[in-house]
């Protein structure tokens, strides 16, 4: 008698469903992921991706205030540190320096932007 056990048939499983693509397009070949840009980390990049911002070019085009406002719409928990980080990513200034030296002007610009958005929404 042989000690060879019959092999069980492997169950054929259904392929796992694909995850939905992120709201924005992935960076194209040669473009730098936002998570690798100075002042931004993986969490910041994830927040921005949820808002549809996936490249530094988009970020520069939008500007820090508008980009931050877009993120706040999809991620209300985002703090003002993200605004400082976005401005730093665009200008090349460390986010802590942005917070210290540019805080007032960014907060005024954010307030103006939010007022404009509210006025447009009420029309």
C-alpha atoms as a PDB file:
ATOM      1  CA  UNK A   1       0.000   0.000   0.000  1.00  0.00           C
ATOM      2  CA  UNK A   2       1.211   3.433  -0.875  1.00  0.00           C
ATOM      3  CA  UNK A   3       1.237   6.413   1.495  1.00  0.00           C
ATOM      4  CA  UNK A   4       0.431   8.837  -1.333  1.00  0.00           C
ATOM      5  CA  UNK A   5      -2.645  10.857  -0.561  1.00  0.00           C
ATOM      6  CA  UNK A   6      -4.908  11.926  -3.370  1.00  0.00           C
ATOM      7  CA  UNK A   7      -4.633  15.643  -4.009  1.00  0.00           C
ATOM      8  CA  UNK A   8      -7.717  17.712  -3.414  1.00  0.00           C
ATOM      9  CA  UNK A   9      -8.891  19.771  -6.311  1.00  0.00           C
ATOM     10  CA  UNK A  10      -8.131  23.420  -5.872  1.00  0.00           C
ATOM     11  CA  UNK A  11     -11.210  25.549  -5.717  1.00  0.00           C
ATOM     12  CA  UNK A  12     -11.418  28.024  -8.516  1.00  0.00           C
ATOM     13  CA  UNK A  13     -12.121  31.358  -6.945  1.00  0.00           C
ATOM     14  CA  UNK A  14     -13.630  34.375  -8.543  1.00  0.00           C
ATOM     15  CA  UNK A  15     -11.128  37.187  -9.081  1.00  0.00           C
ATOM     16  CA  UNK A  16     -11.367  39.850  -6.423  1.00  0.00           C
ATOM     17  CA  UNK A  17     -13.403  42.841  -7.552  1.00  0.00           C
ATOM     18  CA  UNK A  18     -11.252  45.743  -8.616  1.00  0.00           C
ATOM     19  CA  UNK A  19     -11.186  48.741  -6.370  1.00  0.00           C
ATOM     20  CA  UNK A  20     -12.717  51.822  -7.922  1.00  0.00           C
ATOM     21  CA  UNK A  21     -10.134  54.182  -9.330  1.00  0.00           C
ATOM     22  CA  UNK A  22      -9.324  57.272  -7.255  1.00  0.00           C
ATOM     23  CA  UNK A  23     -11.283  60.389  -8.022  1.00  0.00           C
ATOM     24  CA  UNK A  24      -8.379  61.944  -9.893  1.00  0.00           C
ATOM     25  CA  UNK A  25      -6.193  60.419 -12.531  1.00  0.00           C
ATOM     26  CA  UNK A  26      -2.967  58.813 -11.389  1.00  0.00           C
ATOM     27  CA  UNK A  27       0.203  60.719 -12.140  1.00  0.00           C
ATOM     28  CA  UNK A  28       1.483  59.945 -15.622  1.00  0.00           C
ATOM     29  CA  UNK A  29       4.868  58.413 -16.258  1.00  0.00           C
ATOM     30  CA  UNK A  30       7.533  60.940 -15.391  1.00  0.00           C
ATOM     31  CA  UNK A  31       5.293  62.962 -13.049  1.00  0.00           C
ATOM     32  CA  UNK A  32       6.106  62.990  -9.361  1.00  0.00           C
ATOM     33  CA  UNK A  33       3.544  61.654  -6.898  1.00  0.00           C
ATOM     34  CA  UNK A  34       2.263  64.361  -4.566  1.00  0.00           C
ATOM     35  CA  UNK A  35       3.325  62.190  -1.612  1.00  0.00           C
ATOM     36  CA  UNK A  36       6.947  62.676  -2.716  1.00  0.00           C
ATOM     37  CA  UNK A  37       6.756  66.450  -3.000  1.00  0.00           C
ATOM     38  CA  UNK A  38       8.473  68.389  -0.199  1.00  0.00           C
ATOM     39  CA  UNK A  39       6.048  69.383   2.581  1.00  0.00           C
ATOM     40  CA  UNK A  40       3.457  66.787   1.556  1.00  0.00           C
ATOM     41  CA  UNK A  41       3.168  63.289   2.909  1.00  0.00           C
ATOM     42  CA  UNK A  42       1.050  60.265   2.069  1.00  0.00           C
ATOM     43  CA  UNK A  43      -1.957  61.461   4.062  1.00  0.00           C
ATOM     44  CA  UNK A  44      -1.922  64.906   2.425  1.00  0.00           C
ATOM     45  CA  UNK A  45      -1.565  63.303  -1.004  1.00  0.00           C
ATOM     46  CA  UNK A  46      -4.473  60.974  -0.212  1.00  0.00           C
ATOM     47  CA  UNK A  47      -6.688  63.901   0.802  1.00  0.00           C
ATOM     48  CA  UNK A  48      -5.814  65.784  -2.372  1.00  0.00           C
ATOM     49  CA  UNK A  49      -6.368  62.731  -4.545  1.00  0.00           C
ATOM     50  CA  UNK A  50      -9.872  62.410  -3.068  1.00  0.00           C
ATOM     51  CA  UNK A  51     -10.428  66.019  -4.150  1.00  0.00           C
ATOM     52  CA  UNK A  52      -9.232  65.202  -7.674  1.00  0.00           C
ATOM     53  CA  UNK A  53      -5.776  66.767  -7.355  1.00  0.00           C
ATOM     54  CA  UNK A  54      -3.065  64.315  -8.383  1.00  0.00           C
ATOM     55  CA  UNK A  55      -0.133  66.297  -9.769  1.00  0.00           C
ATOM     56  CA  UNK A  56       2.027  69.180  -8.687  1.00  0.00           C
ATOM     57  CA  UNK A  57       1.059  70.902 -11.946  1.00  0.00           C
ATOM     58  CA  UNK A  58      -2.617  70.800 -10.935  1.00  0.00           C
ATOM     59  CA  UNK A  59      -1.681  72.056  -7.491  1.00  0.00           C
ATOM     60  CA  UNK A  60       0.244  74.996  -8.907  1.00  0.00           C
ATOM     61  CA  UNK A  61      -2.577  75.816 -11.323  1.00  0.00           C
ATOM     62  CA  UNK A  62      -5.194  75.818  -8.545  1.00  0.00           C
ATOM     63  CA  UNK A  63      -3.096  77.622  -5.964  1.00  0.00           C
ATOM     64  CA  UNK A  64      -2.922  76.722  -2.303  1.00  0.00           C
ATOM     65  CA  UNK A  65      -6.170  78.340  -1.159  1.00  0.00           C
ATOM     66  CA  UNK A  66      -8.382  76.851  -3.854  1.00  0.00           C
ATOM     67  CA  UNK A  67      -6.744  73.412  -3.512  1.00  0.00           C
ATOM     68  CA  UNK A  68      -7.188  73.500   0.270  1.00  0.00           C
ATOM     69  CA  UNK A  69     -10.835  74.493  -0.146  1.00  0.00           C
ATOM     70  CA  UNK A  70     -11.400  71.551  -2.512  1.00  0.00           C
ATOM     71  CA  UNK A  71      -9.838  69.167  -0.003  1.00  0.00           C
ATOM     72  CA  UNK A  72     -11.976  70.543   2.839  1.00  0.00           C
ATOM     73  CA  UNK A  73     -15.102  69.708   0.815  1.00  0.00           C
ATOM     74  CA  UNK A  74     -14.195  66.008   0.712  1.00  0.00           C
ATOM     75  CA  UNK A  75     -12.156  65.803   3.926  1.00  0.00           C
ATOM     76  CA  UNK A  76     -13.587  68.171   6.558  1.00  0.00           C
ATOM     77  CA  UNK A  77     -11.019  66.996   9.132  1.00  0.00           C
ATOM     78  CA  UNK A  78      -8.138  68.497   7.139  1.00  0.00           C
ATOM     79  CA  UNK A  79      -6.405  71.099   9.301  1.00  0.00           C
ATOM     80  CA  UNK A  80      -4.816  74.409   8.403  1.00  0.00           C
ATOM     81  CA  UNK A  81      -1.461  72.618   8.492  1.00  0.00           C
ATOM     82  CA  UNK A  82      -2.463  71.224   5.100  1.00  0.00           C
ATOM     83  CA  UNK A  83      -2.877  74.763   3.755  1.00  0.00           C
ATOM     84  CA  UNK A  84       0.625  75.628   4.967  1.00  0.00           C
ATOM     85  CA  UNK A  85       1.971  72.395   3.446  1.00  0.00           C
ATOM     86  CA  UNK A  86       0.291  73.014   0.079  1.00  0.00           C
ATOM     87  CA  UNK A  87       1.667  76.554  -0.060  1.00  0.00           C
ATOM     88  CA  UNK A  88       5.083  75.194   0.861  1.00  0.00           C
ATOM     89  CA  UNK A  89       4.885  72.535  -1.840  1.00  0.00           C
ATOM     90  CA  UNK A  90       4.080  75.193  -4.427  1.00  0.00           C
ATOM     91  CA  UNK A  91       6.650  77.765  -3.319  1.00  0.00           C
ATOM     92  CA  UNK A  92       9.418  75.500  -2.025  1.00  0.00           C
ATOM     93  CA  UNK A  93       9.240  77.047   1.462  1.00  0.00           C
ATOM     94  CA  UNK A  94       9.087  74.730   4.480  1.00  0.00           C
ATOM     95  CA  UNK A  95       5.502  74.480   5.771  1.00  0.00           C
ATOM     96  CA  UNK A  96       6.494  75.692   9.259  1.00  0.00           C
ATOM     97  CA  UNK A  97       8.009  78.825   7.768  1.00  0.00           C
ATOM     98  CA  UNK A  98       4.846  79.321   5.698  1.00  0.00           C
ATOM     99  CA  UNK A  99       2.771  79.004   8.879  1.00  0.00           C
ATOM    100  CA  UNK A 100       4.924  81.604  10.614  1.00  0.00           C
ATOM    101  CA  UNK A 101       5.502  84.124   7.827  1.00  0.00           C
ATOM    102  CA  UNK A 102       2.488  83.774   5.525  1.00  0.00           C
ATOM    103  CA  UNK A 103      -0.280  82.721   7.913  1.00  0.00           C
ATOM    104  CA  UNK A 104      -2.216  85.994   7.912  1.00  0.00           C
ATOM    105  CA  UNK A 105      -2.210  86.487   4.149  1.00  0.00           C
ATOM    106  CA  UNK A 106      -3.269  82.874   3.531  1.00  0.00           C
ATOM    107  CA  UNK A 107      -6.064  83.071   6.104  1.00  0.00           C
ATOM    108  CA  UNK A 108      -7.337  86.315   4.548  1.00  0.00           C
ATOM    109  CA  UNK A 109      -7.197  84.754   1.070  1.00  0.00           C
ATOM    110  CA  UNK A 110      -9.047  81.682   2.361  1.00  0.00           C
ATOM    111  CA  UNK A 111     -11.720  83.844   3.988  1.00  0.00           C
ATOM    112  CA  UNK A 112     -12.176  85.821   0.760  1.00  0.00           C
ATOM    113  CA  UNK A 113     -12.381  82.609  -1.266  1.00  0.00           C
ATOM    114  CA  UNK A 114     -14.986  81.087   1.077  1.00  0.00           C
ATOM    115  CA  UNK A 115     -17.096  84.276   1.013  1.00  0.00           C
ATOM    116  CA  UNK A 116     -16.994  84.260  -2.775  1.00  0.00           C
ATOM    117  CA  UNK A 117     -18.068  80.609  -2.871  1.00  0.00           C
ATOM    118  CA  UNK A 118     -20.974  81.302  -0.491  1.00  0.00           C
ATOM    119  CA  UNK A 119     -22.112  84.305  -2.517  1.00  0.00           C
ATOM    120  CA  UNK A 120     -22.038  82.240  -5.731  1.00  0.00           C
ATOM    121  CA  UNK A 121     -23.992  79.440  -4.035  1.00  0.00           C
ATOM    122  CA  UNK A 122     -26.732  81.816  -2.874  1.00  0.00           C
ATOM    123  CA  UNK A 123     -27.314  83.269  -6.356  1.00  0.00           C
END
